[in-house]
Amino acid sequence: MARHAQPRAGKSLSRRSKAVGGLALTTLVGTALWAWPASGNDHDSLADGKNGAPKTAAGPETAGDRPVAKAAPDAAPAARRIPGLSDAVRKQIPSATRQVLVVAGRDGDSYESQVVLYTRAKDSDDWQPGRIWGAHNAARGWTRDHHYGDLRSPEGVYTLTDAGGRLPAPDGTKLPYDHNRSFVANGTGVEGEPLDGAFDYVIAINYNRVADTSPLDQQRPDGTQKGGGVWLHVDHDGPTQGCVSLKPDVMRELLRTLDPRLHPVVVMGPAGR
């Protein structure tokens, strides 16, 4: 496990940030059915080196050769819903949210995941999917009870309020962005791959952190044993220590798209459980 330079803490406010809630998720990716039930500083470098991440993907309402049950006559059309989310998960998404980033792992122990951003217009229940992106999560997969150093990404529904990075914010970035030279990933990843550039762009996942602060902020409301520093960040071609990593162009697209006025959240966890 890589160890990295201690970052400078960012300015913090008093509002405590927590997961929206535990959940159960069934995600459709292409024609494959990925499912996971309800239920953790974890980036790959900086202070204590770990990252948390979610899982995702979306596709048609089919599962291989198995037909998907039709909705009851009085139910909302399937096309209006985010495919694969159970009613329990949907209830955890705030009513004001109009952007949902779904991160779905291949299974509970895999570090491979897929990500899709769903959006809806104001006063509409019709969720529209974006493209499917490949991603990496923690080396040992997922957990509903994340702890520092377990090499698993925390499952849950979390708000997305803050971003930053070693590089300047891409033009059009909407989330508050801390351009800071302390976003440096030193050493090597879990599989020995170089971490250079991993923190060029990051988006904080509000797991065990205080919202409306820099991703570098070290406050851990639930205690350091529960980990923290779980981010979306630039992929380094290997598993993370808890975060979710995506290609640089995807991170730039997310920074330009995620809008605090639309109250974005991430729904993350493994499929097939």
C-alpha atoms as a PDB file:
ATOM      1  CA  MET A   1       0.000   0.000   0.000  1.00  0.00           C
ATOM      2  CA  ALA A   2       1.494   3.328  -1.000  1.00  0.00           C
ATOM      3  CA  ARG A   3       2.110   6.074   1.543  1.00  0.00           C
ATOM      4  CA  HIS A   4       2.223   9.685   0.480  1.00  0.00           C
ATOM      5  CA  ALA A   5       2.949  13.239   1.529  1.00  0.00           C
ATOM      6  CA  GLN A   6       0.701  14.831   4.159  1.00  0.00           C
ATOM      7  CA  PRO A   7      -1.557  17.394   2.456  1.00  0.00           C
ATOM      8  CA  ARG A   8      -2.421  20.824   3.735  1.00  0.00           C
ATOM      9  CA  ALA A   9      -5.925  20.823   5.111  1.00  0.00           C
ATOM     10  CA  GLY A  10      -8.410  22.929   3.223  1.00  0.00           C
ATOM     11  CA  LYS A  11     -10.694  25.530   4.787  1.00  0.00           C
ATOM     12  CA  SER A  12     -13.605  23.816   6.504  1.00  0.00           C
ATOM     13  CA  LEU A  13     -17.153  24.724   7.420  1.00  0.00           C
ATOM     14  CA  SER A  14     -19.242  23.206  10.156  1.00  0.00           C
ATOM     15  CA  ARG A  15     -21.756  21.223   8.129  1.00  0.00           C
ATOM     16  CA  ARG A  16     -21.274  17.496   8.606  1.00  0.00           C
ATOM     17  CA  SER A  17     -21.576  15.300   5.557  1.00  0.00           C
ATOM     18  CA  LYS A  18     -22.815  11.745   5.699  1.00  0.00           C
ATOM     19  CA  ALA A  19     -24.149   9.096   3.405  1.00  0.00           C
ATOM     20  CA  VAL A  20     -27.743   9.618   2.454  1.00  0.00           C
ATOM     21  CA  GLY A  21     -28.389   6.081   3.612  1.00  0.00           C
ATOM     22  CA  GLY A  22     -27.831   2.373   3.245  1.00  0.00           C
ATOM     23  CA  LEU A  23     -29.305   0.743   0.188  1.00  0.00           C
ATOM     24  CA  ALA A  24     -29.878  -2.149  -2.112  1.00  0.00           C
ATOM     25  CA  LEU A  25     -29.041  -1.852  -5.795  1.00  0.00           C
ATOM     26  CA  THR A  26     -29.624  -3.904  -8.893  1.00  0.00           C
ATOM     27  CA  THR A  27     -27.863  -2.391 -11.888  1.00  0.00           C
ATOM     28  CA  LEU A  28     -28.222  -3.219 -15.551  1.00  0.00           C
ATOM     29  CA  VAL A  29     -25.149  -2.959 -17.727  1.00  0.00           C
ATOM     30  CA  GLY A  30     -25.832  -3.695 -21.347  1.00  0.00           C
ATOM     31  CA  THR A  31     -27.719  -6.965 -21.049  1.00  0.00           C
ATOM     32  CA  ALA A  32     -25.908  -8.127 -17.917  1.00  0.00           C
ATOM     33  CA  LEU A  33     -27.697  -7.873 -14.577  1.00  0.00           C
ATOM     34  CA  TRP A  34     -25.594  -6.575 -11.674  1.00  0.00           C
ATOM     35  CA  ALA A  35     -27.207  -6.475  -8.223  1.00  0.00           C
ATOM     36  CA  TRP A  36     -26.161  -5.420  -4.700  1.00  0.00           C
ATOM     37  CA  PRO A  37     -28.057  -4.980  -1.409  1.00  0.00           C
ATOM     38  CA  ALA A  38     -28.172  -2.257   1.182  1.00  0.00           C
ATOM     39  CA  SER A  39     -25.997  -1.751   3.796  1.00  0.00           C
ATOM     40  CA  GLY A  40     -15.427   4.426   4.167  1.00  0.00           C
ATOM     41  CA  ASN A  41      -9.070   8.702   4.227  1.00  0.00           C
ATOM     42  CA  ASP A  42      -9.000   6.211   1.439  1.00  0.00           C
ATOM     43  CA  HIS A  43      -7.447   7.773  -1.578  1.00  0.00           C
ATOM     44  CA  ASP A  44      -4.376   6.176  -3.086  1.00  0.00           C
ATOM     45  CA  SER A  45      -2.013   8.714  -1.631  1.00  0.00           C
ATOM     46  CA  LEU A  46      -1.844  11.838   0.506  1.00  0.00           C
ATOM     47  CA  ALA A  47      -2.387  11.588   4.256  1.00  0.00           C
ATOM     48  CA  ASP A  48      -3.181   7.960   4.880  1.00  0.00           C
ATOM     49  CA  GLY A  49      -3.688   6.666   1.399  1.00  0.00           C
ATOM     50  CA  LYS A  50      -6.962   5.065   0.411  1.00  0.00           C
ATOM     51  CA  ASN A  51      -9.961   5.724  -1.763  1.00  0.00           C
ATOM     52  CA  GLY A  52     -13.595   4.828  -1.725  1.00  0.00           C
ATOM     53  CA  ALA A  53     -15.667   4.224  -4.795  1.00  0.00           C
ATOM     54  CA  PRO A  54     -18.956   3.057  -6.176  1.00  0.00           C
ATOM     55  CA  LYS A  55     -20.186   0.977  -8.962  1.00  0.00           C
ATOM     56  CA  THR A  56     -22.485   1.382 -11.832  1.00  0.00           C
ATOM     57  CA  ALA A  57     -23.858   1.098 -15.261  1.00  0.00           C
ATOM     58  CA  ALA A  58     -27.013   1.086 -17.154  1.00  0.00           C
ATOM     59  CA  GLY A  59     -28.647  -0.471 -20.107  1.00  0.00           C
ATOM     60  CA  PRO A  60     -31.957  -1.834 -21.349  1.00  0.00           C
ATOM     61  CA  GLU A  61     -34.410  -3.411 -18.932  1.00  0.00           C
ATOM     62  CA  THR A  62     -33.376  -6.955 -19.824  1.00  0.00           C
ATOM     63  CA  ALA A  63     -31.123  -9.510 -18.226  1.00  0.00           C
ATOM     64  CA  GLY A  64     -29.689 -11.827 -20.832  1.00  0.00           C
ATOM     65  CA  ASP A  65     -32.482 -14.156 -21.899  1.00  0.00           C
ATOM     66  CA  ARG A  66     -34.509 -13.447 -18.790  1.00  0.00           C
ATOM     67  CA  PRO A  67     -37.439 -11.061 -19.299  1.00  0.00           C
ATOM     68  CA  VAL A  68     -37.843  -8.273 -16.782  1.00  0.00           C
ATOM     69  CA  ALA A  69     -41.216  -8.194 -15.051  1.00  0.00           C
ATOM     70  CA  LYS A  70     -43.552  -5.548 -16.406  1.00  0.00           C
ATOM     71  CA  ALA A  71     -44.587  -2.708 -14.159  1.00  0.00           C
ATOM     72  CA  ALA A  72     -48.079  -2.634 -12.712  1.00  0.00           C
ATOM     73  CA  PRO A  73     -50.521  -0.517 -14.717  1.00  0.00           C
ATOM     74  CA  ASP A  74     -50.422   2.309 -12.190  1.00  0.00           C
ATOM     75  CA  ALA A  75     -46.630   2.307 -11.837  1.00  0.00           C
ATOM     76  CA  ALA A  76     -44.367   4.847 -13.520  1.00  0.00           C
ATOM     77  CA  PRO A  77     -43.027   3.632 -16.880  1.00  0.00           C
ATOM     78  CA  ALA A  78     -39.694   1.835 -16.575  1.00  0.00           C
ATOM     79  CA  ALA A  79     -38.130   4.340 -18.973  1.00  0.00           C
ATOM     80  CA  ARG A  80     -38.695   7.073 -16.418  1.00  0.00           C
ATOM     81  CA  ARG A  81     -36.635   5.315 -13.770  1.00  0.00           C
ATOM     82  CA  ILE A  82     -32.938   4.728 -13.304  1.00  0.00           C
ATOM     83  CA  PRO A  83     -32.694   1.080 -14.391  1.00  0.00           C
ATOM     84  CA  GLY A  84     -31.887  -1.491 -11.752  1.00  0.00           C
ATOM     85  CA  LEU A  85     -32.376   0.642  -8.630  1.00  0.00           C
ATOM     86  CA  SER A  86     -34.644  -0.906  -6.057  1.00  0.00           C
ATOM     87  CA  ASP A  87     -37.393   1.125  -4.437  1.00  0.00           C
ATOM     88  CA  ALA A  88     -35.295   1.210  -1.269  1.00  0.00           C
ATOM     89  CA  VAL A  89     -32.416   2.850  -3.141  1.00  0.00           C
ATOM     90  CA  ARG A  90     -34.672   5.310  -4.934  1.00  0.00           C
ATOM     91  CA  LYS A  91     -36.021   6.466  -1.585  1.00  0.00           C
ATOM     92  CA  GLN A  92     -32.471   7.351  -0.475  1.00  0.00           C
ATOM     93  CA  ILE A  93     -32.003   9.790  -3.371  1.00  0.00           C
ATOM     94  CA  PRO A  94     -33.070  13.297  -2.264  1.00  0.00           C
ATOM     95  CA  SER A  95     -36.127  14.635  -4.039  1.00  0.00           C
ATOM     96  CA  ALA A  96     -34.172  17.746  -5.152  1.00  0.00           C
ATOM     97  CA  THR A  97     -31.483  15.638  -6.848  1.00  0.00           C
ATOM     98  CA  ARG A  98     -31.394  15.848 -10.645  1.00  0.00           C
ATOM     99  CA  GLN A  99     -28.003  14.180 -11.238  1.00  0.00           C
ATOM    100  CA  VAL A 100     -27.244  10.641 -10.065  1.00  0.00           C
ATOM    101  CA  LEU A 101     -23.861   9.048 -10.742  1.00  0.00           C
ATOM    102  CA  VAL A 102     -24.257   5.276 -10.507  1.00  0.00           C
ATOM    103  CA  VAL A 103     -21.092   3.263  -9.841  1.00  0.00           C
ATOM    104  CA  ALA A 104     -21.616  -0.488 -10.062  1.00  0.00           C
ATOM    105  CA  GLY A 105     -18.942  -3.062  -9.329  1.00  0.00           C
ATOM    106  CA  ARG A 106     -18.614  -6.314 -11.176  1.00  0.00           C
ATOM    107  CA  ASP A 107     -19.123  -8.144  -7.873  1.00  0.00           C
ATOM    108  CA  GLY A 108     -18.439  -7.693  -4.179  1.00  0.00           C
ATOM    109  CA  ASP A 109     -14.738  -8.602  -4.399  1.00  0.00           C
ATOM    110  CA  SER A 110     -13.848  -7.103  -7.792  1.00  0.00           C
ATOM    111  CA  TYR A 111     -12.025  -3.813  -8.430  1.00  0.00           C
ATOM    112  CA  GLU A 112     -13.676  -3.371 -11.826  1.00  0.00           C
ATOM    113  CA  SER A 113     -16.745  -1.188 -12.083  1.00  0.00           C
ATOM    114  CA  GLN A 114     -18.850   0.778 -14.520  1.00  0.00           C
ATOM    115  CA  VAL A 115     -20.224   4.300 -14.164  1.00  0.00           C
ATOM    116  CA  VAL A 116     -23.219   6.086 -15.672  1.00  0.00           C
ATOM    117  CA  LEU A 117     -24.499   9.618 -15.026  1.00  0.00           C
ATOM    118  CA  TYR A 118     -28.301   9.953 -15.024  1.00  0.00           C
ATOM    119  CA  THR A 119     -29.984  13.341 -15.274  1.00  0.00           C
ATOM    120  CA  ARG A 120     -33.537  14.588 -15.247  1.00  0.00           C
ATOM    121  CA  ALA A 121     -35.137  17.877 -16.167  1.00  0.00           C
ATOM    122  CA  LYS A 122     -36.845  20.072 -13.598  1.00  0.00           C
ATOM    123  CA  ASP A 123     -40.342  18.872 -12.716  1.00  0.00           C
ATOM    124  CA  SER A 124     -39.747  15.618 -14.615  1.00  0.00           C
ATOM    125  CA  ASP A 125     -39.461  12.005 -13.425  1.00  0.00           C
ATOM    126  CA  ASP A 126     -37.805  10.922 -16.658  1.00  0.00           C
ATOM    127  CA  TRP A 127     -34.167   9.994 -15.936  1.00  0.00           C
ATOM    128  CA  GLN A 128     -31.895  10.113 -18.964  1.00  0.00           C
ATOM    129  CA  PRO A 129     -28.697   7.996 -19.009  1.00  0.00           C
ATOM    130  CA  GLY A 130     -25.351   9.133 -20.295  1.00  0.00           C
ATOM    131  CA  ARG A 131     -22.558   6.953 -21.632  1.00  0.00           C
ATOM    132  CA  ILE A 132     -21.168   3.945 -19.780  1.00  0.00           C
ATOM    133  CA  TRP A 133     -17.621   4.507 -18.482  1.00  0.00           C
ATOM    134  CA  GLY A 134     -15.205   1.892 -17.198  1.00  0.00           C
ATOM    135  CA  ALA A 135     -13.708   2.534 -13.753  1.00  0.00           C
ATOM    136  CA  HIS A 136     -11.677   0.996 -10.934  1.00  0.00           C
ATOM    137  CA  ASN A 137     -12.641   0.731  -7.277  1.00  0.00           C
ATOM    138  CA  ALA A 138     -10.780  -0.654  -4.257  1.00  0.00           C
ATOM    139  CA  ALA A 139      -8.496  -3.667  -4.624  1.00  0.00           C
ATOM    140  CA  ARG A 140     -10.635  -5.980  -2.475  1.00  0.00           C
ATOM    141  CA  GLY A 141     -13.991  -4.767  -3.750  1.00  0.00           C
ATOM    142  CA  TRP A 142     -16.774  -3.349  -1.593  1.00  0.00           C
ATOM    143  CA  THR A 143     -18.026  -3.204   1.988  1.00  0.00           C
ATOM    144  CA  ARG A 144     -21.036  -1.954   3.941  1.00  0.00           C
ATOM    145  CA  ASP A 145     -18.777  -1.308   6.971  1.00  0.00           C
ATOM    146  CA  HIS A 146     -15.686   0.460   5.638  1.00  0.00           C
ATOM    147  CA  HIS A 147     -12.616   0.878   7.855  1.00  0.00           C
ATOM    148  CA  TYR A 148      -9.297   2.552   7.183  1.00  0.00           C
ATOM    149  CA  GLY A 149      -6.904   0.169   5.443  1.00  0.00           C
ATOM    150  CA  ASP A 150      -9.395  -2.532   4.474  1.00  0.00           C
ATOM    151  CA  LEU A 151      -8.809  -1.927   0.735  1.00  0.00           C
ATOM    152  CA  ARG A 152     -12.549  -1.903   0.108  1.00  0.00           C
ATOM    153  CA  SER A 153     -14.783   0.891  -1.207  1.00  0.00           C
ATOM    154  CA  PRO A 154     -17.752   1.974   0.919  1.00  0.00           C
ATOM    155  CA  GLU A 155     -21.214   1.177  -0.404  1.00  0.00           C
ATOM    156  CA  GLY A 156     -23.931   3.785  -0.146  1.00  0.00           C
ATOM    157  CA  VAL A 157     -25.627   6.910  -1.467  1.00  0.00           C
ATOM    158  CA  TYR A 158     -23.456  10.012  -0.976  1.00  0.00           C
ATOM    159  CA  THR A 159     -23.701  13.653  -1.963  1.00  0.00           C
ATOM    160  CA  LEU A 160     -21.098  15.302  -4.223  1.00  0.00           C
ATOM    161  CA  THR A 161     -20.344  18.911  -3.229  1.00  0.00           C
ATOM    162  CA  ASP A 162     -16.610  19.624  -3.630  1.00  0.00           C
ATOM    163  CA  ALA A 163     -13.759  19.148  -6.100  1.00  0.00           C
ATOM    164  CA  GLY A 164     -10.114  20.060  -6.578  1.00  0.00           C
ATOM    165  CA  GLY A 165      -6.863  18.964  -8.117  1.00  0.00           C
ATOM    166  CA  ARG A 166      -3.233  19.627  -8.970  1.00  0.00           C
ATOM    167  CA  LEU A 167      -4.294  21.036 -12.335  1.00  0.00           C
ATOM    168  CA  PRO A 168      -6.531  24.086 -12.811  1.00  0.00           C
ATOM    169  CA  ALA A 169     -10.242  23.467 -13.040  1.00  0.00           C
ATOM    170  CA  PRO A 170     -11.396  22.682 -16.580  1.00  0.00           C
ATOM    171  CA  ASP A 171     -13.330  25.497 -18.216  1.00  0.00           C
ATOM    172  CA  GLY A 172     -16.959  25.218 -17.200  1.00  0.00           C
ATOM    173  CA  THR A 173     -16.361  23.482 -13.861  1.00  0.00           C
ATOM    174  CA  LYS A 174     -19.374  24.082 -11.612  1.00  0.00           C
ATOM    175  CA  LEU A 175     -18.478  22.436  -8.305  1.00  0.00           C
ATOM    176  CA  PRO A 176     -16.329  24.509  -5.917  1.00  0.00           C
ATOM    177  CA  TYR A 177     -12.759  23.650  -6.948  1.00  0.00           C
ATOM    178  CA  ASP A 178      -9.562  23.799  -4.846  1.00  0.00           C
ATOM    179  CA  HIS A 179      -6.603  24.193  -7.241  1.00  0.00           C
ATOM    180  CA  ASN A 180      -3.811  23.121  -4.925  1.00  0.00           C
ATOM    181  CA  ARG A 181      -0.274  21.747  -5.373  1.00  0.00           C
ATOM    182  CA  SER A 182      -0.870  19.449  -2.383  1.00  0.00           C
ATOM    183  CA  PHE A 183      -2.903  17.139  -4.615  1.00  0.00           C
ATOM    184  CA  VAL A 184       0.086  14.897  -5.258  1.00  0.00           C
ATOM    185  CA  ALA A 185      -0.033  11.109  -5.468  1.00  0.00           C
ATOM    186  CA  ASN A 186       3.398   9.758  -4.598  1.00  0.00           C
ATOM    187  CA  GLY A 187       4.746   6.241  -4.801  1.00  0.00           C
ATOM    188  CA  THR A 188       3.017   3.356  -6.485  1.00  0.00           C
ATOM    189  CA  GLY A 189      -0.422   1.786  -6.446  1.00  0.00           C
ATOM    190  CA  VAL A 190      -1.606  -1.526  -5.028  1.00  0.00           C
ATOM    191  CA  GLU A 191      -0.234  -3.426  -8.020  1.00  0.00           C
ATOM    192  CA  GLY A 192       2.951  -1.368  -8.313  1.00  0.00           C
ATOM    193  CA  GLU A 193       1.691   0.982 -11.017  1.00  0.00           C
ATOM    194  CA  PRO A 194       2.855   4.648 -10.879  1.00  0.00           C
ATOM    195  CA  LEU A 195       0.379   7.098  -9.376  1.00  0.00           C
ATOM    196  CA  ASP A 196       1.600  10.187 -11.216  1.00  0.00           C
ATOM    197  CA  GLY A 197      -1.346  12.386 -12.180  1.00  0.00           C
ATOM    198  CA  ALA A 198      -3.951  10.471 -10.161  1.00  0.00           C
ATOM    199  CA  PHE A 199      -4.947  13.640  -8.324  1.00  0.00           C
ATOM    200  CA  ASP A 200      -4.839  15.999 -11.283  1.00  0.00           C
ATOM    201  CA  TYR A 201      -8.619  16.133 -10.820  1.00  0.00           C
ATOM    202  CA  VAL A 202     -10.647  14.855  -7.872  1.00  0.00           C
ATOM    203  CA  ILE A 203     -14.256  15.012  -6.738  1.00  0.00           C
ATOM    204  CA  ALA A 204     -14.854  14.297  -3.054  1.00  0.00           C
ATOM    205  CA  ILE A 205     -17.395  11.612  -2.186  1.00  0.00           C
ATOM    206  CA  ASN A 206     -19.108  12.738   1.007  1.00  0.00           C
ATOM    207  CA  TYR A 207     -18.278   9.668   3.039  1.00  0.00           C
ATOM    208  CA  ASN A 208     -17.071  10.537   6.576  1.00  0.00           C
ATOM    209  CA  ARG A 209     -16.183  14.110   5.662  1.00  0.00           C
ATOM    210  CA  VAL A 210     -17.454  17.653   6.171  1.00  0.00           C
ATOM    211  CA  ALA A 211     -19.181  19.023   3.094  1.00  0.00           C
ATOM    212  CA  ASP A 212     -18.336  22.425   1.610  1.00  0.00           C
ATOM    213  CA  THR A 213     -14.630  22.002   2.350  1.00  0.00           C
ATOM    214  CA  SER A 214     -11.652  21.195   0.155  1.00  0.00           C
ATOM    215  CA  PRO A 215     -11.228  17.482  -0.597  1.00  0.00           C
ATOM    216  CA  LEU A 216      -7.929  17.897   1.307  1.00  0.00           C
ATOM    217  CA  ASP A 217      -9.752  18.639   4.558  1.00  0.00           C
ATOM    218  CA  GLN A 218      -8.876  16.035   7.216  1.00  0.00           C
ATOM    219  CA  GLN A 219     -11.963  16.203   9.431  1.00  0.00           C
ATOM    220  CA  ARG A 220     -13.507  12.753   9.978  1.00  0.00           C
ATOM    221  CA  PRO A 221     -16.874  13.147  11.770  1.00  0.00           C
ATOM    222  CA  ASP A 222     -17.208   9.400  12.400  1.00  0.00           C
ATOM    223  CA  GLY A 223     -13.585   8.957  13.490  1.00  0.00           C
ATOM    224  CA  THR A 224     -10.388   8.130  11.633  1.00  0.00           C
ATOM    225  CA  GLN A 225     -10.956   4.394  12.004  1.00  0.00           C
ATOM    226  CA  LYS A 226     -13.826   4.704   9.530  1.00  0.00           C
ATOM    227  CA  GLY A 227     -11.496   6.009   6.843  1.00  0.00           C
ATOM    228  CA  GLY A 228     -12.091   9.006   4.632  1.00  0.00           C
ATOM    229  CA  GLY A 229     -10.636  10.847   1.674  1.00  0.00           C
ATOM    230  CA  VAL A 230     -12.812   8.747  -0.616  1.00  0.00           C
ATOM    231  CA  TRP A 231     -12.717  10.429  -4.004  1.00  0.00           C
ATOM    232  CA  LEU A 232     -13.461  10.150  -7.664  1.00  0.00           C
ATOM    233  CA  HIS A 233     -10.043  10.711  -9.250  1.00  0.00           C
ATOM    234  CA  VAL A 234      -7.943  10.056 -12.344  1.00  0.00           C
ATOM    235  CA  ASP A 235      -7.375   6.386 -13.138  1.00  0.00           C
ATOM    236  CA  HIS A 236      -3.854   4.960 -12.779  1.00  0.00           C
ATOM    237  CA  ASP A 237      -4.570   1.649 -14.509  1.00  0.00           C
ATOM    238  CA  GLY A 238      -5.012  -0.352 -11.344  1.00  0.00           C
ATOM    239  CA  PRO A 239      -7.210  -0.840  -8.270  1.00  0.00           C
ATOM    240  CA  THR A 240      -7.521   1.888  -5.663  1.00  0.00           C
ATOM    241  CA  GLN A 241      -7.345   1.831  -1.884  1.00  0.00           C
ATOM    242  CA  GLY A 242     -11.002   2.872  -1.590  1.00  0.00           C
ATOM    243  CA  CYS A 243     -11.713   5.503  -4.248  1.00  0.00           C
ATOM    244  CA  VAL A 244     -13.263   5.276  -7.693  1.00  0.00           C
ATOM    245  CA  SER A 245     -10.947   6.167 -10.584  1.00  0.00           C
ATOM    246  CA  LEU A 246     -11.878   7.198 -14.114  1.00  0.00           C
ATOM    247  CA  LYS A 247      -9.971   8.281 -17.223  1.00  0.00           C
ATOM    248  CA  PRO A 248      -8.866  11.951 -17.372  1.00  0.00           C
ATOM    249  CA  ASP A 249     -11.344  12.900 -20.080  1.00  0.00           C
ATOM    250  CA  VAL A 250     -14.193  11.428 -18.017  1.00  0.00           C
ATOM    251  CA  MET A 251     -13.117  13.376 -14.929  1.00  0.00           C
ATOM    252  CA  ARG A 252     -13.038  16.583 -16.984  1.00  0.00           C
ATOM    253  CA  GLU A 253     -16.506  15.827 -18.331  1.00  0.00           C
ATOM    254  CA  LEU A 254     -17.873  15.195 -14.849  1.00  0.00           C
ATOM    255  CA  LEU A 255     -16.353  18.437 -13.549  1.00  0.00           C
ATOM    256  CA  ARG A 256     -18.041  20.356 -16.343  1.00  0.00           C
ATOM    257  CA  THR A 257     -21.356  18.564 -15.828  1.00  0.00           C
ATOM    258  CA  LEU A 258     -21.938  18.041 -12.110  1.00  0.00           C
ATOM    259  CA  ASP A 259     -23.814  21.088 -10.886  1.00  0.00           C
ATOM    260  CA  PRO A 260     -24.407  21.949  -7.199  1.00  0.00           C
ATOM    261  CA  ARG A 261     -27.714  23.515  -8.202  1.00  0.00           C
ATOM    262  CA  LEU A 262     -28.847  20.022  -9.259  1.00  0.00           C
ATOM    263  CA  HIS A 263     -27.781  18.415  -5.952  1.00  0.00           C
ATOM    264  CA  PRO A 264     -25.726  15.549  -7.437  1.00  0.00           C
ATOM    265  CA  VAL A 265     -25.266  12.262  -5.589  1.00  0.00           C
ATOM    266  CA  VAL A 266     -23.346   9.069  -6.228  1.00  0.00           C
ATOM    267  CA  VAL A 267     -24.948   5.643  -5.761  1.00  0.00           C
ATOM    268  CA  MET A 268     -22.187   3.076  -5.408  1.00  0.00           C
ATOM    269  CA  GLY A 269     -21.616  -0.550  -4.551  1.00  0.00           C
ATOM    270  CA  PRO A 270     -21.144  -4.043  -5.969  1.00  0.00           C
ATOM    271  CA  ALA A 271     -23.464  -6.002  -8.187  1.00  0.00           C
ATOM    272  CA  GLY A 272     -24.437  -9.634  -7.805  1.00  0.00           C
ATOM    273  CA  ARG A 273     -25.072  -9.622  -4.052  1.00  0.00           C
END
